[in-house]
Amino acid sequence: MEQHKDAPFFCYLPYNTPHSPWAVPQEYWQRFKDKPLALTAPDTVKEDLDETRCVLAMMENLDWNVGRVLAQIKKLGIEENTLVVYFSDNGPTRSAGMAA
């Protein structure tokens, strides 16, 4: 973005979150590993609560990283002339009805 801020450019930044492999930076996992869940799958037998917590931690990490991109756009002074289109993965499918 820094190199092309004075001319039109296209930046493609794909995220696969939340999707397997279920991995998240340790600092995010620590915030969610023991957190009680307000919403769970209708069939709790099929839900892996640690997997659900990992998905929640992955989403918080994704949010932080998208915020970094938006902050950089603002820092470069191009926010008034920038179009941001945001997509994310459809989410986990192993545990039907998983909280997100």
Protein backbone atom coordinates (compact mmCIF):
# COMPACT_ATOMS: atom_id res chain seq x y z
CA MET A 1 0.00 0.00 0.00
CA GLU A 2 2.83 2.36 0.83
CA GLN A 3 4.46 1.86 -2.59
CA HIS A 4 1.25 2.49 -4.56
CA LYS A 5 -0.60 5.01 -2.40
CA ASP A 6 -0.30 7.78 -5.02
CA ALA A 7 -1.90 5.78 -7.83
CA PRO A 8 -4.81 3.34 -8.13
CA PHE A 9 -3.90 -0.13 -6.88
CA PHE A 10 -5.51 -3.45 -6.06
CA CYS A 11 -4.68 -5.30 -2.87
CA TYR A 12 -5.96 -8.84 -2.42
CA LEU A 13 -5.58 -10.15 1.11
CA PRO A 14 -7.32 -13.51 1.54
CA TYR A 15 -8.17 -14.82 4.99
CA ASN A 16 -9.44 -18.35 5.51
CA THR A 17 -10.65 -17.75 9.04
CA PRO A 18 -12.50 -19.42 10.64
CA HIS A 19 -11.46 -22.65 8.99
CA SER A 20 -9.24 -25.60 9.68
CA PRO A 21 -6.53 -26.04 10.64
CA TRP A 22 -7.78 -24.84 14.01
CA ALA A 23 -4.84 -22.67 14.99
CA VAL A 24 -4.61 -19.23 16.55
CA PRO A 25 -1.80 -17.18 18.11
CA GLN A 26 -1.27 -18.17 21.73
CA GLU A 27 -2.25 -14.76 23.12
CA TYR A 28 -5.72 -15.13 21.55
CA TRP A 29 -6.12 -18.73 22.67
CA GLN A 30 -5.28 -17.73 26.25
CA ARG A 31 -8.21 -15.27 26.27
CA PHE A 32 -10.69 -17.95 25.15
CA LYS A 33 -9.42 -21.32 26.40
CA ASP A 34 -11.41 -21.28 29.66
CA LYS A 35 -14.11 -18.82 28.67
CA PRO A 36 -17.69 -19.91 29.35
CA LEU A 37 -19.74 -20.03 26.15
CA ALA A 38 -23.08 -18.23 26.06
CA LEU A 39 -24.17 -20.05 22.89
CA THR A 40 -23.48 -23.62 21.93
CA ALA A 41 -24.66 -26.07 19.30
CA PRO A 42 -28.15 -27.55 19.74
CA ASP A 43 -26.54 -31.00 19.90
CA THR A 44 -23.76 -30.40 22.43
CA VAL A 45 -22.57 -34.01 22.11
CA LYS A 46 -21.32 -33.20 18.58
CA GLU A 47 -19.70 -29.90 19.56
CA ASP A 48 -16.06 -29.70 20.60
CA LEU A 49 -16.07 -26.72 22.98
CA ASP A 50 -12.34 -26.15 22.58
CA GLU A 51 -12.84 -26.01 18.82
CA THR A 52 -15.61 -23.46 19.31
CA ARG A 53 -13.34 -21.40 21.57
CA CYS A 54 -10.59 -21.60 18.97
CA VAL A 55 -13.00 -20.32 16.29
CA LEU A 56 -13.94 -17.40 18.54
CA ALA A 57 -10.27 -16.63 19.15
CA MET A 58 -9.59 -16.86 15.40
CA MET A 59 -12.37 -14.36 14.72
CA GLU A 60 -10.98 -11.91 17.27
CA ASN A 61 -7.55 -12.25 15.65
CA LEU A 62 -9.08 -11.72 12.20
CA ASP A 63 -10.86 -8.60 13.46
CA TRP A 64 -7.58 -7.23 14.83
CA ASN A 65 -5.79 -7.86 11.52
CA VAL A 66 -8.52 -6.22 9.42
CA GLY A 67 -8.26 -3.27 11.80
CA ARG A 68 -4.53 -3.07 11.06
CA VAL A 69 -5.26 -2.80 7.33
CA LEU A 70 -7.89 -0.10 7.87
CA ALA A 71 -5.56 1.83 10.19
CA GLN A 72 -2.79 1.73 7.57
CA ILE A 73 -5.17 3.05 4.91
CA LYS A 74 -6.04 5.92 7.22
CA LYS A 75 -2.40 6.54 8.13
CA LEU A 76 -1.54 6.82 4.43
CA GLY A 77 -4.32 9.37 4.00
CA ILE A 78 -6.11 7.37 1.31
CA GLU A 79 -9.27 6.43 3.22
CA GLU A 80 -11.44 8.90 1.29
CA ASN A 81 -10.40 7.37 -2.04
CA THR A 82 -10.28 3.69 -1.09
CA LEU A 83 -12.88 1.00 -1.50
CA VAL A 84 -12.62 -1.92 0.91
CA VAL A 85 -14.58 -5.05 0.12
CA TYR A 86 -14.54 -7.57 2.94
CA PHE A 87 -15.25 -11.27 2.63
CA SER A 88 -14.48 -14.13 4.98
CA ASP A 89 -14.68 -17.88 4.89
CA ASN A 90 -18.12 -19.40 5.45
CA GLY A 91 -16.94 -20.75 8.78
CA PRO A 92 -16.62 -24.11 10.44
CA THR A 93 -18.71 -27.01 9.26
CA ARG A 94 -17.59 -29.93 11.45
CA SER A 95 -19.93 -29.12 14.33
CA ALA A 96 -23.37 -28.22 13.02
CA GLY A 97 -24.86 -25.24 14.78
CA MET A 98 -21.55 -24.21 16.24
CA ALA A 99 -21.49 -20.87 18.05
CA ALA A 100 -19.64 -18.16 16.16
